[in-house]
């Protein structure tokens, strides 16, 4: 029985390959005369798994999105709070508002809409100015925004760290596209099973029967998942 690879989801192909390798590892590939074929499948699987993680955006990307939202909220909150002091009855508050408004406008009210690198650099420059200029530090304190700017700085620094981590992950990734490596992995599996079947005919043994039976059961399970998915009624469209 052959796997219905053309109907497997990417995650199913990755997991199926992992399951097959687990079965072979427990049944001594060398004794079964398929060690080179298992090694090739494992090599293809490792590349496939790495690309799959990146293809899914991985956990780092999810963290980046969360941290970007966090710093966006801080920027929007700071702008809103500063605007609320424009008509304040106290001159000191209005003066502080003007100073911070000028700073925020310098970097752009829509800074949170900029590209990731532009926003990161803009926020860092803004924070550096506040920390370097006593008048701005005092203006932030006068409008009770010290903690807001601290939150903005923290979120921005965390974002930058995760962004660099993701870039490093992409740089280390194999250059092949996922579809290519998936096809190579499936081909390596088929080569492996052909060798197993051939040796089982040439030199019948309980060891070959056992491992072939385990793989066939695995294939049957995955193929049934595909069949169940294909036979399930399509979800109704929302009106």
C-alpha atoms as a PDB file:
ATOM      1  CA  UNK A   1       0.000   0.000   0.000  1.00  0.00           C
ATOM      2  CA  UNK A   2       1.419   3.356  -1.062  1.00  0.00           C
ATOM      3  CA  UNK A   3       0.948   6.581   0.896  1.00  0.00           C
ATOM      4  CA  UNK A   4      -1.405   9.071  -0.738  1.00  0.00           C
ATOM      5  CA  UNK A   5       1.358  11.644  -0.746  1.00  0.00           C
ATOM      6  CA  UNK A   6      -0.391  13.916  -3.241  1.00  0.00           C
ATOM      7  CA  UNK A   7      -3.183  14.395  -0.701  1.00  0.00           C
ATOM      8  CA  UNK A   8      -1.049  14.696   2.433  1.00  0.00           C
ATOM      9  CA  UNK A   9      -0.879  18.084   4.079  1.00  0.00           C
ATOM     10  CA  UNK A  10       2.648  19.377   4.633  1.00  0.00           C
ATOM     11  CA  UNK A  11       2.417  18.619   8.347  1.00  0.00           C
ATOM     12  CA  UNK A  12       1.303  15.052   7.568  1.00  0.00           C
ATOM     13  CA  UNK A  13       4.269  14.478   5.267  1.00  0.00           C
ATOM     14  CA  UNK A  14       6.653  15.702   7.954  1.00  0.00           C
ATOM     15  CA  UNK A  15       5.053  13.583  10.660  1.00  0.00           C
ATOM     16  CA  UNK A  16       4.768  10.498   8.432  1.00  0.00           C
ATOM     17  CA  UNK A  17       8.476  10.659   7.579  1.00  0.00           C
ATOM     18  CA  UNK A  18       9.322  11.021  11.253  1.00  0.00           C
ATOM     19  CA  UNK A  19       7.149   7.993  12.113  1.00  0.00           C
ATOM     20  CA  UNK A  20       8.788   5.845   9.431  1.00  0.00           C
ATOM     21  CA  UNK A  21      12.254   6.755  10.692  1.00  0.00           C
ATOM     22  CA  UNK A  22      11.201   5.877  14.241  1.00  0.00           C
ATOM     23  CA  UNK A  23      10.033   2.444  13.086  1.00  0.00           C
ATOM     24  CA  UNK A  24      13.292   1.793  11.217  1.00  0.00           C
ATOM     25  CA  UNK A  25      15.433   3.005  14.118  1.00  0.00           C
ATOM     26  CA  UNK A  26      13.788   0.412  16.355  1.00  0.00           C
ATOM     27  CA  UNK A  27      14.383  -2.410  13.873  1.00  0.00           C
ATOM     28  CA  UNK A  28      18.122  -2.141  13.122  1.00  0.00           C
ATOM     29  CA  UNK A  29      18.465  -0.737   9.574  1.00  0.00           C
ATOM     30  CA  UNK A  30      21.942  -2.250   9.223  1.00  0.00           C
ATOM     31  CA  UNK A  31      20.655  -5.770   9.855  1.00  0.00           C
ATOM     32  CA  UNK A  32      17.888  -5.113   7.328  1.00  0.00           C
ATOM     33  CA  UNK A  33      20.483  -3.942   4.745  1.00  0.00           C
ATOM     34  CA  UNK A  34      18.795  -0.561   4.323  1.00  0.00           C
ATOM     35  CA  UNK A  35      21.055   1.693   6.382  1.00  0.00           C
ATOM     36  CA  UNK A  36      22.047   3.890   3.373  1.00  0.00           C
ATOM     37  CA  UNK A  37      18.403   4.346   2.373  1.00  0.00           C
ATOM     38  CA  UNK A  38      17.394   5.199   5.940  1.00  0.00           C
ATOM     39  CA  UNK A  39      20.261   7.671   6.152  1.00  0.00           C
ATOM     40  CA  UNK A  40      19.089   9.377   2.952  1.00  0.00           C
ATOM     41  CA  UNK A  41      15.504   9.565   4.182  1.00  0.00           C
ATOM     42  CA  UNK A  42      16.670  11.047   7.477  1.00  0.00           C
ATOM     43  CA  UNK A  43      18.769  13.634   5.654  1.00  0.00           C
ATOM     44  CA  UNK A  44      15.776  14.672   3.535  1.00  0.00           C
ATOM     45  CA  UNK A  45      13.500  14.673   6.568  1.00  0.00           C
ATOM     46  CA  UNK A  46      15.781  16.968   8.564  1.00  0.00           C
ATOM     47  CA  UNK A  47      15.773  19.516   5.739  1.00  0.00           C
ATOM     48  CA  UNK A  48      12.013  19.179   5.333  1.00  0.00           C
ATOM     49  CA  UNK A  49      11.389  19.675   9.045  1.00  0.00           C
ATOM     50  CA  UNK A  50      13.522  22.814   9.179  1.00  0.00           C
ATOM     51  CA  UNK A  51      11.747  24.318   6.182  1.00  0.00           C
ATOM     52  CA  UNK A  52       8.361  23.368   7.612  1.00  0.00           C
ATOM     53  CA  UNK A  53       9.093  25.235  10.824  1.00  0.00           C
ATOM     54  CA  UNK A  54      10.046  28.320   8.841  1.00  0.00           C
ATOM     55  CA  UNK A  55       7.104  27.862   6.480  1.00  0.00           C
ATOM     56  CA  UNK A  56       4.771  27.937   9.441  1.00  0.00           C
ATOM     57  CA  UNK A  57       6.251  31.239  10.524  1.00  0.00           C
ATOM     58  CA  UNK A  58       7.525  29.528  13.692  1.00  0.00           C
ATOM     59  CA  UNK A  59       7.169  30.700  17.263  1.00  0.00           C
ATOM     60  CA  UNK A  60       9.610  33.561  16.776  1.00  0.00           C
ATOM     61  CA  UNK A  61       7.368  35.137  14.146  1.00  0.00           C
ATOM     62  CA  UNK A  62       4.361  34.866  16.456  1.00  0.00           C
ATOM     63  CA  UNK A  63       6.343  36.594  19.201  1.00  0.00           C
ATOM     64  CA  UNK A  64       7.403  39.308  16.755  1.00  0.00           C
ATOM     65  CA  UNK A  65       3.796  40.018  15.852  1.00  0.00           C
ATOM     66  CA  UNK A  66       2.793  40.178  19.517  1.00  0.00           C
ATOM     67  CA  UNK A  67       5.660  42.502  20.397  1.00  0.00           C
ATOM     68  CA  UNK A  68       4.962  44.726  17.395  1.00  0.00           C
ATOM     69  CA  UNK A  69       1.361  45.049  18.576  1.00  0.00           C
ATOM     70  CA  UNK A  70       2.595  45.846  22.068  1.00  0.00           C
ATOM     71  CA  UNK A  71       4.829  48.709  20.931  1.00  0.00           C
ATOM     72  CA  UNK A  72       2.117  49.964  18.540  1.00  0.00           C
ATOM     73  CA  UNK A  73      -0.300  50.162  21.461  1.00  0.00           C
ATOM     74  CA  UNK A  74       2.281  52.100  23.462  1.00  0.00           C
ATOM     75  CA  UNK A  75       2.834  54.574  20.625  1.00  0.00           C
ATOM     76  CA  UNK A  76      -0.883  55.107  20.115  1.00  0.00           C
ATOM     77  CA  UNK A  77      -1.437  55.453  23.863  1.00  0.00           C
ATOM     78  CA  UNK A  78       1.339  58.019  24.209  1.00  0.00           C
ATOM     79  CA  UNK A  79       0.032  60.087  21.295  1.00  0.00           C
ATOM     80  CA  UNK A  80      -3.506  60.004  22.675  1.00  0.00           C
ATOM     81  CA  UNK A  81      -2.389  61.026  26.146  1.00  0.00           C
ATOM     82  CA  UNK A  82      -0.233  63.888  24.830  1.00  0.00           C
ATOM     83  CA  UNK A  83      -3.124  65.213  22.705  1.00  0.00           C
ATOM     84  CA  UNK A  84      -5.384  65.259  25.730  1.00  0.00           C
ATOM     85  CA  UNK A  85      -3.193  67.938  27.326  1.00  0.00           C
ATOM     86  CA  UNK A  86      -3.318  70.384  24.409  1.00  0.00           C
ATOM     87  CA  UNK A  87      -6.065  72.483  26.047  1.00  0.00           C
ATOM     88  CA  UNK A  88      -5.063  71.819  29.629  1.00  0.00           C
ATOM     89  CA  UNK A  89      -5.763  74.694  32.043  1.00  0.00           C
ATOM     90  CA  UNK A  90      -2.219  74.539  33.503  1.00  0.00           C
ATOM     91  CA  UNK A  91       0.469  76.247  31.450  1.00  0.00           C
ATOM     92  CA  UNK A  92       3.134  73.775  32.614  1.00  0.00           C
ATOM     93  CA  UNK A  93       1.077  70.892  31.242  1.00  0.00           C
ATOM     94  CA  UNK A  94       0.485  72.699  27.928  1.00  0.00           C
ATOM     95  CA  UNK A  95       4.208  73.443  27.642  1.00  0.00           C
ATOM     96  CA  UNK A  96       5.091  69.808  28.308  1.00  0.00           C
ATOM     97  CA  UNK A  97       2.462  68.768  25.781  1.00  0.00           C
ATOM     98  CA  UNK A  98       3.982  71.029  23.114  1.00  0.00           C
ATOM     99  CA  UNK A  99       7.472  69.637  23.698  1.00  0.00           C
ATOM    100  CA  UNK A 100       6.371  66.023  23.448  1.00  0.00           C
ATOM    101  CA  UNK A 101       4.029  66.738  20.550  1.00  0.00           C
ATOM    102  CA  UNK A 102       6.934  68.251  18.628  1.00  0.00           C
ATOM    103  CA  UNK A 103       9.056  65.159  19.357  1.00  0.00           C
ATOM    104  CA  UNK A 104       6.316  62.727  18.328  1.00  0.00           C
ATOM    105  CA  UNK A 105       5.528  64.647  15.146  1.00  0.00           C
ATOM    106  CA  UNK A 106       9.221  64.672  14.265  1.00  0.00           C
ATOM    107  CA  UNK A 107       9.187  60.873  14.110  1.00  0.00           C
ATOM    108  CA  UNK A 108       5.707  60.726  12.610  1.00  0.00           C
ATOM    109  CA  UNK A 109       2.248  60.183  14.054  1.00  0.00           C
ATOM    110  CA  UNK A 110       2.024  57.114  11.843  1.00  0.00           C
ATOM    111  CA  UNK A 111       5.332  55.633  13.023  1.00  0.00           C
ATOM    112  CA  UNK A 112       3.495  52.488  14.084  1.00  0.00           C
ATOM    113  CA  UNK A 113       2.493  51.954  10.439  1.00  0.00           C
ATOM    114  CA  UNK A 114       6.062  52.002   9.161  1.00  0.00           C
ATOM    115  CA  UNK A 115       8.090  48.929   8.233  1.00  0.00           C
ATOM    116  CA  UNK A 116       9.529  46.911  11.108  1.00  0.00           C
ATOM    117  CA  UNK A 117      13.079  48.344  10.753  1.00  0.00           C
ATOM    118  CA  UNK A 118      11.816  51.940  10.345  1.00  0.00           C
ATOM    119  CA  UNK A 119       9.604  51.709  13.398  1.00  0.00           C
ATOM    120  CA  UNK A 120      12.348  50.121  15.467  1.00  0.00           C
ATOM    121  CA  UNK A 121      14.849  52.831  14.532  1.00  0.00           C
ATOM    122  CA  UNK A 122      12.306  55.627  15.031  1.00  0.00           C
ATOM    123  CA  UNK A 123      11.333  54.476  18.510  1.00  0.00           C
ATOM    124  CA  UNK A 124      14.955  54.014  19.540  1.00  0.00           C
ATOM    125  CA  UNK A 125      15.832  57.514  18.344  1.00  0.00           C
ATOM    126  CA  UNK A 126      12.851  58.968  20.193  1.00  0.00           C
ATOM    127  CA  UNK A 127      13.753  57.242  23.448  1.00  0.00           C
ATOM    128  CA  UNK A 128      17.386  58.325  23.100  1.00  0.00           C
ATOM    129  CA  UNK A 129      16.284  61.962  22.778  1.00  0.00           C
ATOM    130  CA  UNK A 130      14.048  61.766  25.843  1.00  0.00           C
ATOM    131  CA  UNK A 131      16.805  60.191  27.933  1.00  0.00           C
ATOM    132  CA  UNK A 132      19.410  62.686  26.697  1.00  0.00           C
ATOM    133  CA  UNK A 133      17.371  65.884  27.138  1.00  0.00           C
ATOM    134  CA  UNK A 134      16.292  66.871  30.634  1.00  0.00           C
ATOM    135  CA  UNK A 135      13.483  69.041  29.272  1.00  0.00           C
ATOM    136  CA  UNK A 136      11.904  66.051  27.515  1.00  0.00           C
ATOM    137  CA  UNK A 137      12.409  63.767  30.501  1.00  0.00           C
ATOM    138  CA  UNK A 138      10.663  66.336  32.699  1.00  0.00           C
ATOM    139  CA  UNK A 139       7.901  66.835  30.125  1.00  0.00           C
ATOM    140  CA  UNK A 140       7.181  63.100  30.113  1.00  0.00           C
ATOM    141  CA  UNK A 141       7.068  63.094  33.910  1.00  0.00           C
ATOM    142  CA  UNK A 142       4.797  66.175  33.993  1.00  0.00           C
ATOM    143  CA  UNK A 143       2.244  64.369  31.804  1.00  0.00           C
ATOM    144  CA  UNK A 144       2.608  61.125  33.776  1.00  0.00           C
ATOM    145  CA  UNK A 145       4.070  59.370  30.725  1.00  0.00           C
ATOM    146  CA  UNK A 146       7.342  58.106  32.183  1.00  0.00           C
ATOM    147  CA  UNK A 147       6.010  54.562  32.503  1.00  0.00           C
ATOM    148  CA  UNK A 148       4.457  54.750  29.030  1.00  0.00           C
ATOM    149  CA  UNK A 149       7.840  55.567  27.467  1.00  0.00           C
ATOM    150  CA  UNK A 150       9.487  52.845  29.566  1.00  0.00           C
ATOM    151  CA  UNK A 151       6.943  50.361  28.198  1.00  0.00           C
ATOM    152  CA  UNK A 152       7.607  51.563  24.656  1.00  0.00           C
ATOM    153  CA  UNK A 153      11.360  51.128  25.103  1.00  0.00           C
ATOM    154  CA  UNK A 154      10.994  47.636  26.584  1.00  0.00           C
ATOM    155  CA  UNK A 155       8.622  46.446  23.862  1.00  0.00           C
ATOM    156  CA  UNK A 156      10.860  47.876  21.142  1.00  0.00           C
ATOM    157  CA  UNK A 157      14.014  46.270  22.538  1.00  0.00           C
ATOM    158  CA  UNK A 158      12.308  42.887  22.883  1.00  0.00           C
ATOM    159  CA  UNK A 159      10.934  43.203  19.363  1.00  0.00           C
ATOM    160  CA  UNK A 160      14.365  43.959  17.919  1.00  0.00           C
ATOM    161  CA  UNK A 161      15.897  40.957  19.695  1.00  0.00           C
ATOM    162  CA  UNK A 162      13.279  38.557  18.318  1.00  0.00           C
ATOM    163  CA  UNK A 163      13.449  40.129  14.858  1.00  0.00           C
ATOM    164  CA  UNK A 164      17.187  39.488  14.706  1.00  0.00           C
ATOM    165  CA  UNK A 165      16.657  35.917  15.930  1.00  0.00           C
ATOM    166  CA  UNK A 166      14.228  35.273  13.096  1.00  0.00           C
ATOM    167  CA  UNK A 167      16.618  36.727  10.529  1.00  0.00           C
ATOM    168  CA  UNK A 168      19.320  34.412  11.814  1.00  0.00           C
ATOM    169  CA  UNK A 169      16.974  31.432  11.511  1.00  0.00           C
ATOM    170  CA  UNK A 170      16.163  32.314   7.906  1.00  0.00           C
ATOM    171  CA  UNK A 171      19.842  32.786   7.104  1.00  0.00           C
ATOM    172  CA  UNK A 172      20.649  29.311   8.459  1.00  0.00           C
ATOM    173  CA  UNK A 173      17.800  27.627   6.587  1.00  0.00           C
ATOM    174  CA  UNK A 174      18.414  25.453   3.532  1.00  0.00           C
ATOM    175  CA  UNK A 175      17.962  27.321   0.280  1.00  0.00           C
ATOM    176  CA  UNK A 176      15.681  24.751  -1.348  1.00  0.00           C
ATOM    177  CA  UNK A 177      11.989  25.410  -1.522  1.00  0.00           C
ATOM    178  CA  UNK A 178       9.692  23.294   0.631  1.00  0.00           C
ATOM    179  CA  UNK A 179       7.958  21.626  -2.344  1.00  0.00           C
ATOM    180  CA  UNK A 180      11.292  20.426  -3.725  1.00  0.00           C
ATOM    181  CA  UNK A 181      12.492  18.958  -0.444  1.00  0.00           C
ATOM    182  CA  UNK A 182       9.099  17.364   0.173  1.00  0.00           C
ATOM    183  CA  UNK A 183       9.313  15.648  -3.227  1.00  0.00           C
ATOM    184  CA  UNK A 184      12.846  14.466  -2.429  1.00  0.00           C
ATOM    185  CA  UNK A 185      11.686  13.120   0.941  1.00  0.00           C
ATOM    186  CA  UNK A 186       8.819  11.198  -0.632  1.00  0.00           C
ATOM    187  CA  UNK A 187      11.201   9.757  -3.250  1.00  0.00           C
ATOM    188  CA  UNK A 188      13.627   8.689  -0.515  1.00  0.00           C
ATOM    189  CA  UNK A 189      10.781   6.902   1.278  1.00  0.00           C
ATOM    190  CA  UNK A 190       9.760   5.031  -1.883  1.00  0.00           C
ATOM    191  CA  UNK A 191      13.363   3.985  -2.512  1.00  0.00           C
ATOM    192  CA  UNK A 192      13.610   2.712   1.054  1.00  0.00           C
ATOM    193  CA  UNK A 193      10.440   0.630   0.859  1.00  0.00           C
ATOM    194  CA  UNK A 194      11.470  -0.844  -2.516  1.00  0.00           C
ATOM    195  CA  UNK A 195      14.713  -2.055  -0.971  1.00  0.00           C
ATOM    196  CA  UNK A 196      12.876  -3.480   2.023  1.00  0.00           C
ATOM    197  CA  UNK A 197      10.437  -5.368  -0.206  1.00  0.00           C
ATOM    198  CA  UNK A 198      13.250  -6.687  -2.404  1.00  0.00           C
ATOM    199  CA  UNK A 199      15.313  -7.969   0.530  1.00  0.00           C
ATOM    200  CA  UNK A 200      12.182  -9.506   2.075  1.00  0.00           C
ATOM    201  CA  UNK A 201      11.735 -11.564  -1.099  1.00  0.00           C
ATOM    202  CA  UNK A 202      15.410 -12.482  -1.405  1.00  0.00           C
ATOM    203  CA  UNK A 203      15.892 -13.270   2.260  1.00  0.00           C
ATOM    204  CA  UNK A 204      12.511 -13.787   3.997  1.00  0.00           C
ATOM    205  CA  UNK A 205      12.596 -13.322   7.749  1.00  0.00           C
ATOM    206  CA  UNK A 206      10.462 -12.318  10.702  1.00  0.00           C
ATOM    207  CA  UNK A 207      12.433  -9.071  10.949  1.00  0.00           C
ATOM    208  CA  UNK A 208      11.411  -7.985   7.445  1.00  0.00           C
ATOM    209  CA  UNK A 209       7.822  -9.061   8.003  1.00  0.00           C
ATOM    210  CA  UNK A 210       7.653  -7.073  11.232  1.00  0.00           C
ATOM    211  CA  UNK A 211       9.010  -3.784   9.900  1.00  0.00           C
ATOM    212  CA  UNK A 212       7.037  -3.973   6.640  1.00  0.00           C
ATOM    213  CA  UNK A 213       3.858  -4.691   8.597  1.00  0.00           C
ATOM    214  CA  UNK A 214       4.461  -1.715  10.885  1.00  0.00           C
ATOM    215  CA  UNK A 215       5.032   0.616   7.935  1.00  0.00           C
ATOM    216  CA  UNK A 216       1.941  -0.710   6.141  1.00  0.00           C
ATOM    217  CA  UNK A 217      -0.169  -0.069   9.230  1.00  0.00           C
ATOM    218  CA  UNK A 218       1.242   3.445   9.400  1.00  0.00           C
ATOM    219  CA  UNK A 219       0.430   4.038   5.720  1.00  0.00           C
ATOM    220  CA  UNK A 220      -3.085   2.716   6.204  1.00  0.00           C
ATOM    221  CA  UNK A 221      -3.641   5.080   9.126  1.00  0.00           C
ATOM    222  CA  UNK A 222      -2.470   8.169   7.215  1.00  0.00           C
ATOM    223  CA  UNK A 223      -4.371   7.192   4.069  1.00  0.00           C
ATOM    224  CA  UNK A 224      -7.533   6.748   6.117  1.00  0.00           C
ATOM    225  CA  UNK A 225      -7.089  10.261   7.488  1.00  0.00           C
ATOM    226  CA  UNK A 226      -6.957  11.544   3.914  1.00  0.00           C
ATOM    227  CA  UNK A 227     -10.046   9.552   2.927  1.00  0.00           C
ATOM    228  CA  UNK A 228     -11.970  10.797   5.953  1.00  0.00           C
ATOM    229  CA  UNK A 229     -11.066  14.367   5.066  1.00  0.00           C
ATOM    230  CA  UNK A 230     -12.119  13.923   1.446  1.00  0.00           C
ATOM    231  CA  UNK A 231     -15.442  12.368   2.385  1.00  0.00           C
ATOM    232  CA  UNK A 232     -16.308  15.008   4.990  1.00  0.00           C
ATOM    233  CA  UNK A 233     -19.008  17.461   3.868  1.00  0.00           C
ATOM    234  CA  UNK A 234     -17.730  20.853   2.810  1.00  0.00           C
ATOM    235  CA  UNK A 235     -18.380  23.586   5.403  1.00  0.00           C
ATOM    236  CA  UNK A 236     -21.392  25.726   4.631  1.00  0.00           C
ATOM    237  CA  UNK A 237     -20.646  29.199   3.373  1.00  0.00           C
ATOM    238  CA  UNK A 238     -21.570  32.041   5.674  1.00  0.00           C
ATOM    239  CA  UNK A 239     -24.485  34.106   4.454  1.00  0.00           C
END
